[in-house]
Amino acid sequence: MLNEVDEKLVDLEVRLSFQEETIDQLNDVILFQNKKIENLEQQLKMIASKLNSADTEEAVYDQKPPHY
């Protein structure tokens, strides 16, 4: 039979194993979220660029021609 110290050591090894697995899973989630954030930032920049160009185009179209 295992003595008390051996049981504690086995318990610690099991806990460490679960913690390593959890850390790996959390790391995967963080990597996925980072990719998602980068994708969303690119989309936001594209939308902002389109809005800015649309604002300047509308400003030109809203102006009256010089002969008025």
PDB file of N, CA and C in Angstrom:
ATOM      1  N   MET A   1       0.827  -1.187   0.000  1.00  0.00           N
ATOM      2  CA  MET A   1       0.000   0.000   0.000  1.00  0.00           C
ATOM      3  C   MET A   1       0.867   1.244   0.000  1.00  0.00           C
ATOM      4  N   LEU A   2       0.261   2.267  -0.493  1.00  0.00           N
ATOM      5  CA  LEU A   2       0.972   3.536  -0.513  1.00  0.00           C
ATOM      6  C   LEU A   2       0.901   4.182   0.858  1.00  0.00           C
ATOM      7  N   ASN A   3       1.992   4.743   1.231  1.00  0.00           N
ATOM      8  CA  ASN A   3       1.924   5.472   2.491  1.00  0.00           C
ATOM      9  C   ASN A   3       1.374   6.870   2.231  1.00  0.00           C
ATOM     10  N   GLU A   4       1.214   7.636   3.261  1.00  0.00           N
ATOM     11  CA  GLU A   4       0.566   8.949   3.168  1.00  0.00           C
ATOM     12  C   GLU A   4       1.320   9.893   2.235  1.00  0.00           C
ATOM     13  N   VAL A   5       2.632   9.889   2.286  1.00  0.00           N
ATOM     14  CA  VAL A   5       3.434  10.772   1.437  1.00  0.00           C
ATOM     15  C   VAL A   5       3.267  10.393  -0.034  1.00  0.00           C
ATOM     16  N   ASP A   6       3.266   9.096  -0.295  1.00  0.00           N
ATOM     17  CA  ASP A   6       3.081   8.640  -1.672  1.00  0.00           C
ATOM     18  C   ASP A   6       1.698   9.014  -2.193  1.00  0.00           C
ATOM     19  N   GLU A   7       0.688   8.913  -1.359  1.00  0.00           N
ATOM     20  CA  GLU A   7      -0.667   9.296  -1.759  1.00  0.00           C
ATOM     21  C   GLU A   7      -0.748  10.781  -2.077  1.00  0.00           C
ATOM     22  N   LYS A   8      -0.099  11.583  -1.254  1.00  0.00           N
ATOM     23  CA  LYS A   8      -0.087  13.020  -1.511  1.00  0.00           C
ATOM     24  C   LYS A   8       0.649  13.335  -2.807  1.00  0.00           C
ATOM     25  N   LEU A   9       1.725  12.622  -3.057  1.00  0.00           N
ATOM     26  CA  LEU A   9       2.484  12.845  -4.291  1.00  0.00           C
ATOM     27  C   LEU A   9       1.640  12.481  -5.509  1.00  0.00           C
ATOM     28  N   VAL A  10       0.943  11.372  -5.446  1.00  0.00           N
ATOM     29  CA  VAL A  10       0.084  10.954  -6.549  1.00  0.00           C
ATOM     30  C   VAL A  10      -1.036  11.986  -6.748  1.00  0.00           C
ATOM     31  N   ASP A  11      -1.613  12.454  -5.660  1.00  0.00           N
ATOM     32  CA  ASP A  11      -2.658  13.468  -5.743  1.00  0.00           C
ATOM     33  C   ASP A  11      -2.134  14.734  -6.411  1.00  0.00           C
ATOM     34  N   LEU A  12      -0.946  15.150  -6.034  1.00  0.00           N
ATOM     35  CA  LEU A  12      -0.347  16.346  -6.645  1.00  0.00           C
ATOM     36  C   LEU A  12      -0.074  16.142  -8.130  1.00  0.00           C
ATOM     37  N   GLU A  13       0.374  14.967  -8.502  1.00  0.00           N
ATOM     38  CA  GLU A  13       0.632  14.684  -9.913  1.00  0.00           C
ATOM     39  C   GLU A  13      -0.658  14.712 -10.720  1.00  0.00           C
ATOM     40  N   VAL A  14      -1.724  14.178 -10.145  1.00  0.00           N
ATOM     41  CA  VAL A  14      -3.021  14.184 -10.836  1.00  0.00           C
ATOM     42  C   VAL A  14      -3.512  15.620 -10.994  1.00  0.00           C
ATOM     43  N   ARG A  15      -3.400  16.393  -9.943  1.00  0.00           N
ATOM     44  CA  ARG A  15      -3.820  17.799 -10.018  1.00  0.00           C
ATOM     45  C   ARG A  15      -3.004  18.555 -11.055  1.00  0.00           C
ATOM     46  N   LEU A  16      -1.706  18.324 -11.064  1.00  0.00           N
ATOM     47  CA  LEU A  16      -0.839  18.986 -12.038  1.00  0.00           C
ATOM     48  C   LEU A  16      -1.238  18.622 -13.465  1.00  0.00           C
ATOM     49  N   SER A  17      -1.563  17.369 -13.665  1.00  0.00           N
ATOM     50  CA  SER A  17      -1.977  16.916 -14.995  1.00  0.00           C
ATOM     51  C   SER A  17      -3.250  17.649 -15.442  1.00  0.00           C
ATOM     52  N   PHE A  18      -4.231  17.750 -14.555  1.00  0.00           N
ATOM     53  CA  PHE A  18      -5.470  18.455 -14.890  1.00  0.00           C
ATOM     54  C   PHE A  18      -5.209  19.947 -15.121  1.00  0.00           C
ATOM     55  N   GLN A  19      -4.333  20.528 -14.335  1.00  0.00           N
ATOM     56  CA  GLN A  19      -4.018  21.945 -14.506  1.00  0.00           C
ATOM     57  C   GLN A  19      -3.322  22.190 -15.842  1.00  0.00           C
ATOM     58  N   GLU A  20      -2.428  21.306 -16.227  1.00  0.00           N
ATOM     59  CA  GLU A  20      -1.758  21.459 -17.521  1.00  0.00           C
ATOM     60  C   GLU A  20      -2.761  21.359 -18.663  1.00  0.00           C
ATOM     61  N   GLU A  21      -3.694  20.428 -18.552  1.00  0.00           N
ATOM     62  CA  GLU A  21      -4.724  20.280 -19.585  1.00  0.00           C
ATOM     63  C   GLU A  21      -5.605  21.532 -19.656  1.00  0.00           C
ATOM     64  N   THR A  22      -5.974  22.056 -18.502  1.00  0.00           N
ATOM     65  CA  THR A  22      -6.799  23.264 -18.452  1.00  0.00           C
ATOM     66  C   THR A  22      -6.061  24.454 -19.047  1.00  0.00           C
ATOM     67  N   ILE A  23      -4.788  24.586 -18.723  1.00  0.00           N
ATOM     68  CA  ILE A  23      -3.987  25.683 -19.276  1.00  0.00           C
ATOM     69  C   ILE A  23      -3.900  25.571 -20.792  1.00  0.00           C
ATOM     70  N   ASP A  24      -3.715  24.363 -21.299  1.00  0.00           N
ATOM     71  CA  ASP A  24      -3.670  24.166 -22.752  1.00  0.00           C
ATOM     72  C   ASP A  24      -4.996  24.542 -23.402  1.00  0.00           C
ATOM     73  N   GLN A  25      -6.097  24.167 -22.766  1.00  0.00           N
ATOM     74  CA  GLN A  25      -7.415  24.510 -23.310  1.00  0.00           C
ATOM     75  C   GLN A  25      -7.633  26.027 -23.292  1.00  0.00           C
ATOM     76  N   LEU A  26      -7.236  26.666 -22.204  1.00  0.00           N
ATOM     77  CA  LEU A  26      -7.382  28.120 -22.118  1.00  0.00           C
ATOM     78  C   LEU A  26      -6.502  28.812 -23.158  1.00  0.00           C
ATOM     79  N   ASN A  27      -5.325  28.293 -23.381  1.00  0.00           N
ATOM     80  CA  ASN A  27      -4.436  28.858 -24.393  1.00  0.00           C
ATOM     81  C   ASN A  27      -5.072  28.759 -25.778  1.00  0.00           C
ATOM     82  N   ASP A  28      -5.705  27.631 -26.067  1.00  0.00           N
ATOM     83  CA  ASP A  28      -6.384  27.472 -27.359  1.00  0.00           C
ATOM     84  C   ASP A  28      -7.512  28.493 -27.510  1.00  0.00           C
ATOM     85  N   VAL A  29      -8.255  28.713 -26.436  1.00  0.00           N
ATOM     86  CA  VAL A  29      -9.341  29.691 -26.474  1.00  0.00           C
ATOM     87  C   VAL A  29      -8.780  31.084 -26.722  1.00  0.00           C
ATOM     88  N   ILE A  30      -7.694  31.422 -26.048  1.00  0.00           N
ATOM     89  CA  ILE A  30      -7.086  32.742 -26.215  1.00  0.00           C
ATOM     90  C   ILE A  30      -6.595  32.926 -27.648  1.00  0.00           C
ATOM     91  N   LEU A  31      -5.975  31.910 -28.216  1.00  0.00           N
ATOM     92  CA  LEU A  31      -5.513  32.005 -29.602  1.00  0.00           C
ATOM     93  C   LEU A  31      -6.680  32.202 -30.559  1.00  0.00           C
ATOM     94  N   PHE A  32      -7.771  31.456 -30.348  1.00  0.00           N
ATOM     95  CA  PHE A  32      -8.961  31.608 -31.190  1.00  0.00           C
ATOM     96  C   PHE A  32      -9.528  33.019 -31.066  1.00  0.00           C
ATOM     97  N   GLN A  33      -9.635  33.510 -29.842  1.00  0.00           N
ATOM     98  CA  GLN A  33     -10.186  34.849 -29.628  1.00  0.00           C
ATOM     99  C   GLN A  33      -9.290  35.912 -30.242  1.00  0.00           C
ATOM    100  N   ASN A  34      -7.985  35.719 -30.176  1.00  0.00           N
ATOM    101  CA  ASN A  34      -7.057  36.682 -30.766  1.00  0.00           C
ATOM    102  C   ASN A  34      -7.252  36.756 -32.282  1.00  0.00           C
ATOM    103  N   LYS A  35      -7.390  35.592 -32.919  1.00  0.00           N
ATOM    104  CA  LYS A  35      -7.642  35.585 -34.363  1.00  0.00           C
ATOM    105  C   LYS A  35      -8.967  36.257 -34.687  1.00  0.00           C
ATOM    106  N   LYS A  36      -9.975  35.995 -33.874  1.00  0.00           N
ATOM    107  CA  LYS A  36     -11.290  36.597 -34.092  1.00  0.00           C
ATOM    108  C   LYS A  36     -11.222  38.117 -33.934  1.00  0.00           C
ATOM    109  N   ILE A  37     -10.506  38.583 -32.920  1.00  0.00           N
ATOM    110  CA  ILE A  37     -10.355  40.028 -32.696  1.00  0.00           C
ATOM    111  C   ILE A  37      -9.627  40.672 -33.864  1.00  0.00           C
ATOM    112  N   GLU A  38      -8.559  40.043 -34.348  1.00  0.00           N
ATOM    113  CA  GLU A  38      -7.833  40.598 -35.498  1.00  0.00           C
ATOM    114  C   GLU A  38      -8.739  40.684 -36.720  1.00  0.00           C
ATOM    115  N   ASN A  39      -9.551  39.658 -36.931  1.00  0.00           N
ATOM    116  CA  ASN A  39     -10.483  39.657 -38.061  1.00  0.00           C
ATOM    117  C   ASN A  39     -11.508  40.780 -37.913  1.00  0.00           C
ATOM    118  N   LEU A  40     -12.045  40.937 -36.712  1.00  0.00           N
ATOM    119  CA  LEU A  40     -13.028  41.995 -36.472  1.00  0.00           C
ATOM    120  C   LEU A  40     -12.405  43.383 -36.628  1.00  0.00           C
ATOM    121  N   GLU A  41     -11.151  43.546 -36.206  1.00  0.00           N
ATOM    122  CA  GLU A  41     -10.474  44.835 -36.376  1.00  0.00           C
ATOM    123  C   GLU A  41     -10.302  45.161 -37.859  1.00  0.00           C
ATOM    124  N   GLN A  42      -9.948  44.151 -38.657  1.00  0.00           N
ATOM    125  CA  GLN A  42      -9.815  44.379 -40.100  1.00  0.00           C
ATOM    126  C   GLN A  42     -11.156  44.775 -40.709  1.00  0.00           C
ATOM    127  N   GLN A  43     -12.213  44.086 -40.309  1.00  0.00           N
ATOM    128  CA  GLN A  43     -13.539  44.423 -40.829  1.00  0.00           C
ATOM    129  C   GLN A  43     -13.944  45.832 -40.419  1.00  0.00           C
ATOM    130  N   LEU A  44     -13.654  46.196 -39.180  1.00  0.00           N
ATOM    131  CA  LEU A  44     -13.996  47.529 -38.699  1.00  0.00           C
ATOM    132  C   LEU A  44     -13.238  48.599 -39.476  1.00  0.00           C
ATOM    133  N   LYS A  45     -11.963  48.363 -39.745  1.00  0.00           N
ATOM    134  CA  LYS A  45     -11.187  49.325 -40.535  1.00  0.00           C
ATOM    135  C   LYS A  45     -11.762  49.473 -41.933  1.00  0.00           C
ATOM    136  N   MET A  46     -12.176  48.344 -42.527  1.00  0.00           N
ATOM    137  CA  MET A  46     -12.746  48.390 -43.876  1.00  0.00           C
ATOM    138  C   MET A  46     -14.057  49.167 -43.866  1.00  0.00           C
ATOM    139  N   ILE A  47     -14.890  48.922 -42.876  1.00  0.00           N
ATOM    140  CA  ILE A  47     -16.166  49.635 -42.783  1.00  0.00           C
ATOM    141  C   ILE A  47     -15.938  51.125 -42.553  1.00  0.00           C
ATOM    142  N   ALA A  48     -15.002  51.459 -41.671  1.00  0.00           N
ATOM    143  CA  ALA A  48     -14.696  52.867 -41.406  1.00  0.00           C
ATOM    144  C   ALA A  48     -14.184  53.544 -42.663  1.00  0.00           C
ATOM    145  N   SER A  49     -13.349  52.844 -43.411  1.00  0.00           N
ATOM    146  CA  SER A  49     -12.828  53.401 -44.658  1.00  0.00           C
ATOM    147  C   SER A  49     -13.957  53.650 -45.659  1.00  0.00           C
ATOM    148  N   LYS A  50     -14.872  52.693 -45.768  1.00  0.00           N
ATOM    149  CA  LYS A  50     -16.011  52.866 -46.682  1.00  0.00           C
ATOM    150  C   LYS A  50     -16.899  54.021 -46.242  1.00  0.00           C
ATOM    151  N   LEU A  51     -17.117  54.145 -44.942  1.00  0.00           N
ATOM    152  CA  LEU A  51     -17.939  55.248 -44.443  1.00  0.00           C
ATOM    153  C   LEU A  51     -17.268  56.587 -44.707  1.00  0.00           C
ATOM    154  N   ASN A  52     -15.979  56.664 -44.488  1.00  0.00           N
ATOM    155  CA  ASN A  52     -15.258  57.908 -44.737  1.00  0.00           C
ATOM    156  C   ASN A  52     -15.307  58.283 -46.211  1.00  0.00           C
ATOM    157  N   SER A  53     -15.131  57.309 -47.088  1.00  0.00           N
ATOM    158  CA  SER A  53     -15.180  57.612 -48.518  1.00  0.00           C
ATOM    159  C   SER A  53     -16.606  57.966 -48.934  1.00  0.00           C
ATOM    160  N   ALA A  54     -17.597  57.328 -48.316  1.00  0.00           N
ATOM    161  CA  ALA A  54     -18.992  57.652 -48.638  1.00  0.00           C
ATOM    162  C   ALA A  54     -19.329  59.061 -48.168  1.00  0.00           C
ATOM    163  N   ASP A  55     -18.822  59.466 -47.017  1.00  0.00           N
ATOM    164  CA  ASP A  55     -19.072  60.818 -46.512  1.00  0.00           C
ATOM    165  C   ASP A  55     -18.497  61.865 -47.453  1.00  0.00           C
ATOM    166  N   THR A  56     -17.297  61.628 -47.952  1.00  0.00           N
ATOM    167  CA  THR A  56     -16.688  62.608 -48.854  1.00  0.00           C
ATOM    168  C   THR A  56     -17.416  62.629 -50.190  1.00  0.00           C
ATOM    169  N   GLU A  57     -17.869  61.477 -50.659  1.00  0.00           N
ATOM    170  CA  GLU A  57     -18.609  61.440 -51.922  1.00  0.00           C
ATOM    171  C   GLU A  57     -19.949  62.156 -51.771  1.00  0.00           C
ATOM    172  N   GLU A  58     -20.633  61.927 -50.677  1.00  0.00           N
ATOM    173  CA  GLU A  58     -21.920  62.586 -50.461  1.00  0.00           C
ATOM    174  C   GLU A  58     -21.741  64.089 -50.330  1.00  0.00           C
ATOM    175  N   ALA A  59     -20.677  64.512 -49.707  1.00  0.00           N
ATOM    176  CA  ALA A  59     -20.431  65.938 -49.553  1.00  0.00           C
ATOM    177  C   ALA A  59     -20.273  66.593 -50.920  1.00  0.00           C
ATOM    178  N   VAL A  60     -19.634  65.925 -51.841  1.00  0.00           N
ATOM    179  CA  VAL A  60     -19.471  66.472 -53.191  1.00  0.00           C
ATOM    180  C   VAL A  60     -20.811  66.492 -53.913  1.00  0.00           C
ATOM    181  N   TYR A  61     -21.607  65.440 -53.768  1.00  0.00           N
ATOM    182  CA  TYR A  61     -22.890  65.375 -54.455  1.00  0.00           C
ATOM    183  C   TYR A  61     -23.922  66.319 -53.854  1.00  0.00           C
ATOM    184  N   ASP A  62     -23.807  66.631 -52.587  1.00  0.00           N
ATOM    185  CA  ASP A  62     -24.755  67.532 -51.939  1.00  0.00           C
ATOM    186  C   ASP A  62     -24.512  68.992 -52.289  1.00  0.00           C
ATOM    187  N   GLN A  63     -23.352  69.310 -52.786  1.00  0.00           N
ATOM    188  CA  GLN A  63     -23.051  70.707 -53.107  1.00  0.00           C
ATOM    189  C   GLN A  63     -23.764  71.106 -54.397  1.00  0.00           C
ATOM    190  N   LYS A  64     -24.179  72.369 -54.413  1.00  0.00           N
ATOM    191  CA  LYS A  64     -24.813  72.871 -55.629  1.00  0.00           C
ATOM    192  C   LYS A  64     -23.721  73.177 -56.653  1.00  0.00           C
ATOM    193  N   PRO A  65     -24.040  72.981 -57.900  1.00  0.00           N
ATOM    194  CA  PRO A  65     -23.074  73.304 -58.952  1.00  0.00           C
ATOM    195  C   PRO A  65     -22.742  74.803 -58.900  1.00  0.00           C
ATOM    196  N   PRO A  66     -21.594  75.194 -59.405  1.00  0.00           N
ATOM    197  CA  PRO A  66     -21.159  76.590 -59.319  1.00  0.00           C
ATOM    198  C   PRO A  66     -22.079  77.574 -60.077  1.00  0.00           C
ATOM    199  N   HIS A  67     -22.840  77.141 -61.071  1.00  0.00           N
ATOM    200  CA  HIS A  67     -23.678  78.076 -61.844  1.00  0.00           C
ATOM    201  C   HIS A  67     -24.979  78.426 -61.110  1.00  0.00           C
ATOM    202  N   TYR A  68     -25.248  77.884 -59.921  1.00  0.00           N
ATOM    203  CA  TYR A  68     -26.451  78.257 -59.168  1.00  0.00           C
ATOM    204  C   TYR A  68     -26.183  79.445 -58.310  1.00  0.00           C
TER     205      TYR A  68
END
